[in-house]
C-alpha atoms as a PDB file:
ATOM      1  CA  MET A   1      24.337  -5.329  27.927  1.00  0.00           C
ATOM      2  CA  THR A   2      22.159  -2.745  26.229  1.00  0.00           C
ATOM      3  CA  LYS A   3      18.476  -3.538  26.409  1.00  0.00           C
ATOM      4  CA  ARG A   4      16.595  -3.994  23.127  1.00  0.00           C
ATOM      5  CA  GLY A   5      12.955  -4.318  22.200  1.00  0.00           C
ATOM      6  CA  ALA A   6      11.350  -1.212  23.596  1.00  0.00           C
ATOM      7  CA  GLN A   7       7.696  -1.182  22.474  1.00  0.00           C
ATOM      8  CA  GLY A   8       7.807   2.505  21.595  1.00  0.00           C
ATOM      9  CA  CYS A   9      10.670   2.073  19.182  1.00  0.00           C
ATOM     10  CA  PRO A  10       9.962   2.577  15.512  1.00  0.00           C
ATOM     11  CA  ARG A  11      11.932  -0.654  14.858  1.00  0.00           C
ATOM     12  CA  TYR A  12      10.073  -2.758  17.437  1.00  0.00           C
ATOM     13  CA  CYS A  13       9.426  -6.264  16.106  1.00  0.00           C
ATOM     14  CA  ASN A  14       5.707  -7.102  16.276  1.00  0.00           C
ATOM     15  CA  ASN A  15       6.451 -10.680  15.317  1.00  0.00           C
ATOM     16  CA  CYS A  16       8.460 -11.873  18.370  1.00  0.00           C
ATOM     17  CA  LYS A  17       7.774  -8.847  20.555  1.00  0.00           C
ATOM     18  CA  ASN A  18      11.186  -9.360  22.134  1.00  0.00           C
ATOM     19  CA  ASP A  19      13.527  -7.347  19.937  1.00  0.00           C
ATOM     20  CA  CYS A  20      13.915  -4.677  17.279  1.00  0.00           C
ATOM     21  CA  THR A  21      15.073  -4.831  13.729  1.00  0.00           C
ATOM     22  CA  CYS A  22      18.800  -4.310  12.954  1.00  0.00           C
ATOM     23  CA  GLU A  23      19.780  -1.025  11.295  1.00  0.00           C
ATOM     24  CA  GLN A  24      22.200  -2.813   9.018  1.00  0.00           C
ATOM     25  CA  CYS A  25      20.142  -5.735   7.650  1.00  0.00           C
ATOM     26  CA  ASN A  26      16.630  -4.596   8.638  1.00  0.00           C
ATOM     27  CA  TYR A  27      15.924  -8.049  10.113  1.00  0.00           C
ATOM     28  CA  CYS A  28      15.023  -8.904  13.682  1.00  0.00           C
ATOM     29  CA  HIS A  29      17.941 -11.067  14.890  1.00  0.00           C
ATOM     30  CA  SER A  30      15.742 -12.798  17.464  1.00  0.00           C
ATOM     31  CA  CYS A  31      13.247 -13.941  14.806  1.00  0.00           C
ATOM     32  CA  HIS A  32      15.586 -14.536  11.881  1.00  0.00           C
ATOM     33  CA  THR A  33      18.886 -15.562  13.475  1.00  0.00           C
ATOM     34  CA  SER A  34      19.909 -17.670  10.460  1.00  0.00           C
ATOM     35  CA  ASN A  35      18.763 -15.185   7.870  1.00  0.00           C
ATOM     36  CA  ALA A  36      19.745 -11.871   9.320  1.00  0.00           C
ATOM     37  CA  TYR A  37      23.433 -12.025   8.381  1.00  0.00           C
ATOM     38  CA  ASN A  38      22.839 -13.555   4.940  1.00  0.00           C
ATOM     39  CA  THR A  39      20.330 -10.809   4.133  1.00  0.00           C
ATOM     40  CA  GLY A  40      22.779  -8.113   5.147  1.00  0.00           C
ATOM     41  CA  GLY A  41      25.298  -9.481   2.694  1.00  0.00           C
ATOM     42  CA  THR A  42      28.081  -9.707   5.265  1.00  0.00           C
ATOM     43  CA  ASN A  43      28.594 -10.847   8.835  1.00  0.00           C
ATOM     44  CA  HIS A  44      28.071  -7.911  11.074  1.00  0.00           C
ATOM     45  CA  PRO A  45      27.326  -7.016  14.668  1.00  0.00           C
ATOM     46  CA  TRP A  46      23.712  -6.197  15.535  1.00  0.00           C
ATOM     47  CA  ARG A  47      23.260  -2.455  15.156  1.00  0.00           C
ATOM     48  CA  HIS A  48      20.527  -0.625  16.988  1.00  0.00           C
ATOM     49  CA  THR A  49      19.774   0.388  20.516  1.00  0.00           C
ATOM     50  CA  CYS A  50      16.655   1.483  22.306  1.00  0.00           C
ATOM     51  CA  THR A  51      18.166   2.411  25.656  1.00  0.00           C
ATOM     52  CA  GLY A  52      21.682   2.821  27.049  1.00  0.00           C
ATOM     53  CA  SER A  53      24.590   5.212  26.598  1.00  0.00           C
ATOM     54  CA  GLU A  54      23.947   5.701  22.912  1.00  0.00           C
ATOM     55  CA  PRO A  55      21.186   8.065  21.808  1.00  0.00           C
ATOM     56  CA  ALA A  56      17.890   6.181  21.639  1.00  0.00           C
ATOM     57  CA  ASP A  57      16.453   5.828  18.145  1.00  0.00           C
ATOM     58  CA  ILE A  58      13.002   6.689  19.428  1.00  0.00           C
ATOM     59  CA  GLY A  59      14.377   9.819  21.063  1.00  0.00           C
ATOM     60  CA  LYS A  60      15.870  10.942  17.788  1.00  0.00           C
ATOM     61  CA  PHE A  61      12.619  10.195  15.981  1.00  0.00           C
ATOM     62  CA  LEU A  62      10.618  12.162  18.478  1.00  0.00           C
ATOM     63  CA  ARG A  63      12.927  15.152  18.367  1.00  0.00           C
ATOM     64  CA  GLU A  64      12.883  15.270  14.583  1.00  0.00           C
ATOM     65  CA  THR A  65       9.133  14.868  14.501  1.00  0.00           C
ATOM     66  CA  SER A  66       8.655  17.514  17.142  1.00  0.00           C
ATOM     67  CA  ASP A  67      10.827  20.017  15.244  1.00  0.00           C
ATOM     68  CA  ARG A  68       8.971  19.220  11.993  1.00  0.00           C
ATOM     69  CA  PHE A  69       5.556  19.747  13.612  1.00  0.00           C
ATOM     70  CA  THR A  70       6.613  23.025  15.150  1.00  0.00           C
ATOM     71  CA  GLN A  71       7.652  24.339  11.822  1.00  0.00           C
ATOM     72  CA  PHE A  72       4.601  23.025   9.988  1.00  0.00           C
ATOM     73  CA  CYS A  73       1.991  24.185  12.425  1.00  0.00           C
ATOM     74  CA  VAL A  74       2.745  27.872  11.938  1.00  0.00           C
ATOM     75  CA  SER A  75       2.002  27.580   8.227  1.00  0.00           C
ATOM     76  CA  GLU A  76      -1.379  27.894   6.423  1.00  0.00           C
ATOM     77  CA  VAL A  77      -3.699  24.943   6.056  1.00  0.00           C
ATOM     78  CA  TYR A  78      -4.576  23.808   2.539  1.00  0.00           C
ATOM     79  CA  THR A  79      -7.484  21.713   1.446  1.00  0.00           C
ATOM     80  CA  ILE A  80      -6.500  18.832  -0.836  1.00  0.00           C
ATOM     81  CA  LYS A  81      -9.314  17.097  -2.750  1.00  0.00           C
ATOM     82  CA  VAL A  82      -8.455  13.610  -4.014  1.00  0.00           C
ATOM     83  CA  GLY A  83     -10.156  11.438  -6.602  1.00  0.00           C
ATOM     84  CA  ASP A  84     -13.594  11.385  -8.117  1.00  0.00           C
ATOM     85  CA  GLU A  85     -15.164  11.396  -4.691  1.00  0.00           C
ATOM     86  CA  LYS A  86     -13.173  14.530  -3.812  1.00  0.00           C
ATOM     87  CA  LYS A  87     -12.129  13.254  -0.439  1.00  0.00           C
ATOM     88  CA  GLN A  88     -10.761  16.210   1.512  1.00  0.00           C
ATOM     89  CA  TYR A  89      -7.530  16.429   3.455  1.00  0.00           C
ATOM     90  CA  PHE A  90      -6.453  19.477   5.487  1.00  0.00           C
ATOM     91  CA  ILE A  91      -2.690  19.699   5.432  1.00  0.00           C
ATOM     92  CA  HIS A  92      -0.228  22.380   6.462  1.00  0.00           C
ATOM     93  CA  SER A  93       1.235  24.050   3.417  1.00  0.00           C
ATOM     94  CA  GLU A  94       4.769  23.758   4.728  1.00  0.00           C
ATOM     95  CA  ALA A  95       4.437  19.967   5.049  1.00  0.00           C
ATOM     96  CA  LEU A  96       3.602  19.845   1.319  1.00  0.00           C
ATOM     97  CA  ARG A  97       6.155  22.438   0.243  1.00  0.00           C
ATOM     98  CA  GLN A  98       9.109  20.764   1.985  1.00  0.00           C
ATOM     99  CA  THR A  99       8.141  17.241   0.885  1.00  0.00           C
ATOM    100  CA  SER A 100       7.163  17.554  -2.821  1.00  0.00           C
ATOM    101  CA  PRO A 101       8.602  19.987  -5.391  1.00  0.00           C
ATOM    102  CA  VAL A 102       5.468  19.416  -7.523  1.00  0.00           C
ATOM    103  CA  LEU A 103       3.103  20.411  -4.665  1.00  0.00           C
ATOM    104  CA  LYS A 104       5.379  23.303  -3.811  1.00  0.00           C
ATOM    105  CA  LYS A 105       4.758  24.728  -7.320  1.00  0.00           C
ATOM    106  CA  HIS A 106       1.006  24.257  -6.851  1.00  0.00           C
ATOM    107  CA  ILE A 107       1.043  26.141  -3.532  1.00  0.00           C
ATOM    108  CA  GLU A 108       3.158  28.952  -4.861  1.00  0.00           C
ATOM    109  CA  LEU A 109       0.783  29.317  -7.816  1.00  0.00           C
ATOM    110  CA  GLU A 110      -2.194  29.378  -5.425  1.00  0.00           C
ATOM    111  CA  MET A 111      -0.482  32.053  -3.367  1.00  0.00           C
ATOM    112  CA  LYS A 112       0.377  34.116  -6.436  1.00  0.00           C
ATOM    113  CA  GLU A 113      -3.197  34.021  -7.708  1.00  0.00           C
ATOM    114  CA  LYS A 114      -4.615  34.493  -4.207  1.00  0.00           C
ATOM    115  CA  ALA A 115      -6.869  31.518  -4.717  1.00  0.00           C
ATOM    116  CA  ASN A 116      -8.918  29.691  -2.093  1.00  0.00           C
ATOM    117  CA  LYS A 117      -6.052  27.483  -0.768  1.00  0.00           C
ATOM    118  CA  THR A 118      -7.508  24.413  -2.371  1.00  0.00           C
ATOM    119  CA  ILE A 119      -5.703  21.890  -4.593  1.00  0.00           C
ATOM    120  CA  GLU A 120      -7.705  19.277  -6.426  1.00  0.00           C
ATOM    121  CA  PHE A 121      -6.203  16.102  -7.824  1.00  0.00           C
ATOM    122  CA  LYS A 122      -8.642  14.071  -9.820  1.00  0.00           C
ATOM    123  CA  ASP A 123      -6.747  12.473 -12.662  1.00  0.00           C
ATOM    124  CA  THR A 124      -3.142  12.735 -11.443  1.00  0.00           C
ATOM    125  CA  LEU A 125      -3.647  10.532  -8.343  1.00  0.00           C
ATOM    126  CA  ASP A 126      -4.035   6.884  -9.013  1.00  0.00           C
ATOM    127  CA  ASN A 127      -4.589   5.593  -5.489  1.00  0.00           C
ATOM    128  CA  GLY A 128      -5.987   7.135  -2.314  1.00  0.00           C
ATOM    129  CA  ILE A 129      -3.987   4.852  -0.014  1.00  0.00           C
ATOM    130  CA  ALA A 130      -0.741   6.127  -1.531  1.00  0.00           C
ATOM    131  CA  PHE A 131      -1.809   9.699  -0.790  1.00  0.00           C
ATOM    132  CA  ASN A 132      -2.637   8.783   2.823  1.00  0.00           C
ATOM    133  CA  LEU A 133       0.823   7.306   3.257  1.00  0.00           C
ATOM    134  CA  PHE A 134       2.352  10.338   1.559  1.00  0.00           C
ATOM    135  CA  VAL A 135       0.689  12.564   4.159  1.00  0.00           C
ATOM    136  CA  GLN A 136       2.068  10.317   6.895  1.00  0.00           C
ATOM    137  CA  PHE A 137       5.523  10.592   5.366  1.00  0.00           C
ATOM    138  CA  SER A 138       5.237  14.370   5.030  1.00  0.00           C
ATOM    139  CA  TYR A 139       4.776  14.800   8.803  1.00  0.00           C
ATOM    140  CA  PHE A 140       6.782  11.875  10.260  1.00  0.00           C
ATOM    141  CA  GLY A 141       9.470  11.231   7.629  1.00  0.00           C
ATOM    142  CA  THR A 142       8.371   7.649   7.258  1.00  0.00           C
ATOM    143  CA  TYR A 143       5.156   5.621   6.675  1.00  0.00           C
ATOM    144  CA  GLY A 144       3.824   2.449   8.194  1.00  0.00           C
ATOM    145  CA  TYR A 145       1.865  -0.292   6.500  1.00  0.00           C
ATOM    146  CA  ASP A 146       1.858  -3.618   8.346  1.00  0.00           C
ATOM    147  CA  ASP A 147       3.415  -6.198   6.021  1.00  0.00           C
ATOM    148  CA  THR A 148       2.468  -9.034   8.369  1.00  0.00           C
ATOM    149  CA  GLU A 149      -1.250  -8.310   8.335  1.00  0.00           C
ATOM    150  CA  LYS A 150      -1.936  -6.602   4.988  1.00  0.00           C
ATOM    151  CA  GLU A 151      -2.085  -8.967   2.035  1.00  0.00           C
ATOM    152  CA  ASP A 152      -1.826  -6.114  -0.448  1.00  0.00           C
ATOM    153  CA  ALA A 153       1.422  -4.663   1.128  1.00  0.00           C
ATOM    154  CA  LEU A 154       3.597  -5.202  -1.996  1.00  0.00           C
ATOM    155  CA  GLN A 155       0.911  -3.572  -4.129  1.00  0.00           C
ATOM    156  CA  VAL A 156       0.610  -0.614  -1.730  1.00  0.00           C
ATOM    157  CA  HIS A 157       4.408  -0.075  -1.717  1.00  0.00           C
ATOM    158  CA  ALA A 158       4.172   0.026  -5.527  1.00  0.00           C
ATOM    159  CA  TRP A 159       1.420   2.644  -5.420  1.00  0.00           C
ATOM    160  CA  VAL A 160       3.534   4.769  -3.085  1.00  0.00           C
ATOM    161  CA  TYR A 161       6.583   4.292  -5.317  1.00  0.00           C
ATOM    162  CA  VAL A 162       4.616   5.506  -8.390  1.00  0.00           C
ATOM    163  CA  PHE A 163       3.103   8.396  -6.434  1.00  0.00           C
ATOM    164  CA  ALA A 164       6.549   9.429  -5.164  1.00  0.00           C
ATOM    165  CA  GLU A 165       7.977   9.382  -8.651  1.00  0.00           C
ATOM    166  CA  LYS A 166       5.089  11.450 -10.077  1.00  0.00           C
ATOM    167  CA  PHE A 167       5.375  14.076  -7.291  1.00  0.00           C
ATOM    168  CA  GLU A 168       9.235  13.989  -7.164  1.00  0.00           C
ATOM    169  CA  VAL A 169       9.469  12.812  -3.528  1.00  0.00           C
ATOM    170  CA  LEU A 170      12.775  10.920  -3.944  1.00  0.00           C
ATOM    171  CA  GLU A 171      13.138   9.906  -0.294  1.00  0.00           C
ATOM    172  CA  LEU A 172       9.672   8.439  -0.267  1.00  0.00           C
ATOM    173  CA  LYS A 173      10.349   6.592  -3.504  1.00  0.00           C
ATOM    174  CA  SER A 174      13.486   5.089  -2.050  1.00  0.00           C
ATOM    175  CA  LEU A 175      11.682   4.172   1.176  1.00  0.00           C
ATOM    176  CA  ALA A 176       8.820   2.415  -0.718  1.00  0.00           C
ATOM    177  CA  LEU A 177      11.335   0.347  -2.727  1.00  0.00           C
ATOM    178  CA  LYS A 178      13.265  -0.522   0.420  1.00  0.00           C
ATOM    179  CA  LYS A 179      10.071  -1.724   2.137  1.00  0.00           C
ATOM    180  CA  ALA A 180       9.085  -3.771  -0.871  1.00  0.00           C
ATOM    181  CA  THR A 181      12.546  -5.284  -1.161  1.00  0.00           C
ATOM    182  CA  LEU A 182      12.567  -6.263   2.475  1.00  0.00           C
ATOM    183  CA  LEU A 183       9.134  -7.907   2.035  1.00  0.00           C
ATOM    184  CA  CYS A 184      10.282  -9.926  -1.013  1.00  0.00           C
ATOM    185  CA  SER A 185      13.643 -10.939   0.573  1.00  0.00           C
ATOM    186  CA  LYS A 186      11.808 -12.289   3.609  1.00  0.00           C
ATOM    187  CA  ALA A 187       9.778 -14.546   1.329  1.00  0.00           C
ATOM    188  CA  VAL A 188      12.794 -15.728  -0.615  1.00  0.00           C
ATOM    189  CA  ASN A 189      15.213 -16.221   2.316  1.00  0.00           C
ATOM    190  CA  ASP A 190      12.731 -17.713   4.778  1.00  0.00           C
ATOM    191  CA  LYS A 191      11.436 -20.884   3.096  1.00  0.00           C
ATOM    192  CA  THR A 192       9.238 -21.695   6.079  1.00  0.00           C
ATOM    193  CA  ASN A 193       7.180 -18.533   5.629  1.00  0.00           C
ATOM    194  CA  THR A 194       4.807 -20.204   3.208  1.00  0.00           C
ATOM    195  CA  SER A 195       1.875 -17.839   3.965  1.00  0.00           C
ATOM    196  CA  LEU A 196       3.921 -14.772   2.842  1.00  0.00           C
ATOM    197  CA  ILE A 197       5.138 -16.608  -0.288  1.00  0.00           C
ATOM    198  CA  LYS A 198       1.552 -17.472  -1.248  1.00  0.00           C
ATOM    199  CA  VAL A 199       0.412 -13.916  -0.679  1.00  0.00           C
ATOM    200  CA  LEU A 200       3.198 -12.502  -2.876  1.00  0.00           C
ATOM    201  CA  HIS A 201       2.507 -15.068  -5.634  1.00  0.00           C
ATOM    202  CA  PHE A 202      -1.149 -13.909  -5.578  1.00  0.00           C
ATOM    203  CA  ILE A 203      -0.378 -10.140  -5.545  1.00  0.00           C
ATOM    204  CA  ILE A 204       2.496 -10.091  -8.090  1.00  0.00           C
ATOM    205  CA  PRO A 205       0.122 -10.055 -11.179  1.00  0.00           C
ATOM    206  CA  GLU A 206      -1.698  -7.124  -9.573  1.00  0.00           C
ATOM    207  CA  THR A 207       1.555  -5.232  -8.867  1.00  0.00           C
ATOM    208  CA  VAL A 208       3.406  -5.605 -12.146  1.00  0.00           C
ATOM    209  CA  PRO A 209       1.028  -3.375 -14.195  1.00  0.00           C
ATOM    210  CA  ILE A 210       1.229  -0.649 -11.539  1.00  0.00           C
ATOM    211  CA  ILE A 211       4.973  -0.359 -11.897  1.00  0.00           C
ATOM    212  CA  TYR A 212       5.386  -1.153 -15.634  1.00  0.00           C
ATOM    213  CA  ASN A 213       2.539   1.163 -16.758  1.00  0.00           C
ATOM    214  CA  ALA A 214       3.665   4.131 -14.613  1.00  0.00           C
ATOM    215  CA  THR A 215       7.472   4.055 -14.805  1.00  0.00           C
ATOM    216  CA  TYR A 216       9.856   4.541 -17.652  1.00  0.00           C
ATOM    217  CA  ASP A 217      12.961   2.470 -18.223  1.00  0.00           C
ATOM    218  CA  PRO A 218      14.857   2.794 -21.528  1.00  0.00           C
ATOM    219  CA  ASN A 219      17.024  -0.229 -20.682  1.00  0.00           C
ATOM    220  CA  THR A 220      14.343  -2.890 -20.642  1.00  0.00           C
ATOM    221  CA  GLY A 221      15.880  -6.327 -21.114  1.00  0.00           C
ATOM    222  CA  LYS A 222      19.369  -5.173 -20.078  1.00  0.00           C
ATOM    223  CA  TYR A 223      21.094  -6.605 -17.024  1.00  0.00           C
ATOM    224  CA  PRO A 224      21.854  -4.019 -14.266  1.00  0.00           C
ATOM    225  CA  ALA A 225      25.481  -4.921 -13.603  1.00  0.00           C
ATOM    226  CA  THR A 226      28.699  -3.076 -12.950  1.00  0.00           C
ATOM    227  CA  MET A 227      31.669  -4.822 -14.382  1.00  0.00           C
ATOM    228  CA  ALA A 228      35.129  -3.950 -12.994  1.00  0.00           C
ATOM    229  CA  GLU A 229      38.494  -5.527 -13.132  1.00  0.00           C
ATOM    230  CA  LYS A 230      41.872  -4.531 -11.725  1.00  0.00           C
ATOM    231  CA  SER A 231      44.845  -4.242 -14.011  1.00  0.00           C
ATOM    232  CA  LYS A 232      48.246  -3.199 -12.575  1.00  0.00           C
ATOM    233  CA  GLY A 233      46.672  -1.508  -9.626  1.00  0.00           C
ATOM    234  CA  ASP A 234      44.280   0.554 -11.701  1.00  0.00           C
ATOM    235  CA  THR A 235      40.518  -0.069 -11.706  1.00  0.00           C
ATOM    236  CA  ILE A 236      38.794  -0.169 -15.028  1.00  0.00           C
ATOM    237  CA  SER A 237      35.038  -0.002 -14.656  1.00  0.00           C
ATOM    238  CA  ILE A 238      32.102  -0.078 -17.053  1.00  0.00           C
ATOM    239  CA  PRO A 239      29.297   2.159 -15.739  1.00  0.00           C
ATOM    240  CA  THR A 240      26.244   0.423 -14.361  1.00  0.00           C
ATOM    241  CA  THR A 241      23.261   0.153 -16.671  1.00  0.00           C
ATOM    242  CA  ASN A 242      20.628   2.243 -14.835  1.00  0.00           C
ATOM    243  CA  ARG A 243      17.464   0.278 -14.275  1.00  0.00           C
ATOM    244  CA  ASP A 244      14.242   1.070 -12.415  1.00  0.00           C
ATOM    245  CA  GLY A 245      14.654  -0.533  -8.990  1.00  0.00           C
ATOM    246  CA  PHE A 246      11.070  -1.690  -8.551  1.00  0.00           C
ATOM    247  CA  ARG A 247      10.994  -3.233 -12.013  1.00  0.00           C
ATOM    248  CA  MET A 248      14.128  -5.229 -11.217  1.00  0.00           C
ATOM    249  CA  LEU A 249      12.691  -6.303  -7.862  1.00  0.00           C
ATOM    250  CA  LEU A 250       9.523  -7.708  -9.409  1.00  0.00           C
ATOM    251  CA  ALA A 251      11.412  -9.354 -12.304  1.00  0.00           C
ATOM    252  CA  LYS A 252      13.962 -11.008 -10.035  1.00  0.00           C
ATOM    253  CA  PHE A 253      11.367 -12.192  -7.561  1.00  0.00           C
ATOM    254  CA  ALA A 254       9.192 -13.629 -10.370  1.00  0.00           C
ATOM    255  CA  ALA A 255      12.225 -15.417 -11.909  1.00  0.00           C
ATOM    256  CA  HIS A 256      13.079 -16.893  -8.514  1.00  0.00           C
ATOM    257  CA  HIS A 257       9.574 -18.311  -8.203  1.00  0.00           C
ATOM    258  CA  ILE A 258       8.888 -18.982 -11.872  1.00  0.00           C
ATOM    259  CA  ASP A 259       8.154 -22.720 -11.432  1.00  0.00           C
ATOM    260  CA  ASP A 260       5.202 -21.881  -9.170  1.00  0.00           C
ATOM    261  CA  LEU A 261       4.114 -18.634 -10.863  1.00  0.00           C
ATOM    262  CA  ARG A 262       3.759 -20.187 -14.313  1.00  0.00           C
ATOM    263  CA  ARG A 263       0.915 -22.268 -12.946  1.00  0.00           C
ATOM    264  CA  ASN A 264      -0.851 -19.022 -12.066  1.00  0.00           C
ATOM    265  CA  GLU A 265      -3.184 -18.022 -14.870  1.00  0.00           C
ATOM    266  CA  SER A 266      -3.189 -14.329 -13.832  1.00  0.00           C
ATOM    267  CA  PHE A 267       0.648 -14.314 -13.904  1.00  0.00           C
ATOM    268  CA  MET A 268       0.746 -15.822 -17.401  1.00  0.00           C
ATOM    269  CA  ASP A 269      -1.761 -13.096 -18.541  1.00  0.00           C
ATOM    270  CA  VAL A 270       0.600 -10.446 -17.153  1.00  0.00           C
ATOM    271  CA  LEU A 271       3.526 -11.965 -19.147  1.00  0.00           C
ATOM    272  CA  GLN A 272       1.475 -11.525 -22.302  1.00  0.00           C
ATOM    273  CA  ASP A 273       0.224  -8.069 -21.489  1.00  0.00           C
ATOM    274  CA  GLN A 274       3.633  -6.736 -20.261  1.00  0.00           C
ATOM    275  CA  PRO A 275       6.358  -7.684 -22.753  1.00  0.00           C
ATOM    276  CA  ALA A 276       8.858  -5.438 -20.965  1.00  0.00           C
ATOM    277  CA  PHE A 277       8.282  -7.410 -17.755  1.00  0.00           C
ATOM    278  CA  SER A 278       8.674 -10.702 -19.675  1.00  0.00           C
ATOM    279  CA  ALA A 279      12.011  -9.495 -21.031  1.00  0.00           C
ATOM    280  CA  ASP A 280      13.186  -8.496 -17.588  1.00  0.00           C
ATOM    281  CA  VAL A 281      12.146 -11.835 -16.018  1.00  0.00           C
ATOM    282  CA  LEU A 282      14.229 -13.647 -18.653  1.00  0.00           C
ATOM    283  CA  LEU A 283      17.326 -11.777 -17.374  1.00  0.00           C
ATOM    284  CA  PHE A 284      17.158 -13.608 -14.087  1.00  0.00           C
ATOM    285  CA  SER A 285      15.742 -16.953 -15.176  1.00  0.00           C
ATOM    286  CA  GLY A 286      18.153 -19.751 -14.316  1.00  0.00           C
ATOM    287  CA  ALA A 287      20.523 -17.314 -12.608  1.00  0.00           C
ATOM    288  CA  SER A 288      22.300 -18.774  -9.598  1.00  0.00           C
ATOM    289  CA  THR A 289      23.041 -15.464  -7.847  1.00  0.00           C
ATOM    290  CA  GLY A 290      20.358 -15.965  -5.254  1.00  0.00           C
ATOM    291  CA  PHE A 291      18.289 -13.130  -3.711  1.00  0.00           C
ATOM    292  CA  LYS A 292      20.525 -10.918  -1.539  1.00  0.00           C
ATOM    293  CA  THR A 293      20.229  -7.328  -0.283  1.00  0.00           C
ATOM    294  CA  ASP A 294      22.994  -5.043   0.803  1.00  0.00           C
ATOM    295  CA  GLY A 295      23.220  -3.172   4.080  1.00  0.00           C
ATOM    296  CA  ARG A 296      20.980  -0.420   2.759  1.00  0.00           C
ATOM    297  CA  GLY A 297      18.165  -2.848   1.926  1.00  0.00           C
ATOM    298  CA  CYS A 298      18.694  -2.680  -1.854  1.00  0.00           C
ATOM    299  CA  LEU A 299      18.971  -5.654  -4.145  1.00  0.00           C
ATOM    300  CA  GLU A 300      22.403  -6.931  -5.108  1.00  0.00           C
ATOM    301  CA  PHE A 301      22.837  -7.980  -8.732  1.00  0.00           C
END
């Protein structure tokens, strides 16, 4: 049997320290035996290997990272100044160019004007932590923020999501939403994890304004559903109403916990201040669809 749970693996489970998370449902089957299959949406075999005949995930990660570093390190180093305090980062230009189309334009403009290889972001960056994780993503293709120890994890994922949208880093935006979805699904599907539920109840009022003030969704108050029916072998489908994924995540999580959240004064203030969020919460209030994610870690509606 293939061994699992190598400590160097990017999917290593720091909770049980005996296994790794499954590639299909993103749960550790050793920790969440009863929840892993439900969260994945379908029954499935555990998918991931650290050692054995199949290529090791850690080996693939290291190879890709090594290739990325080799390419980046021969490029020029740019100074990035962030925020009012003008905190400085020294980053290879190729890491920025390949990750963000917006930063690529900045760098090309600097090169054209033969400037001093310095880019300053004062008003366009909302959060320094998000930029730190963006740098991490630029070099490694992922970012880490310990959900089990950081009480503001959902809020941080929201900052990263907003940053990624602003700087057109679509893969990072998708990753931030996936991490936030996994965090929320753990709280919903594992009723015994009361500490995580309390943390999310506390941080939801702080997270909602980040997303709703910095994202645009013309379909506020509309349910994100695809309707399809078969007739004589032909499939007739009505296109899905496109909705912002993070907005839907927060609205559905809030609706699922509305009985507890309405006792939270901060949450009630958010409902008053964010009418678009209130309308979205109503979409899922009383719904019996549960809280499920598909094999890609995205919400199912």
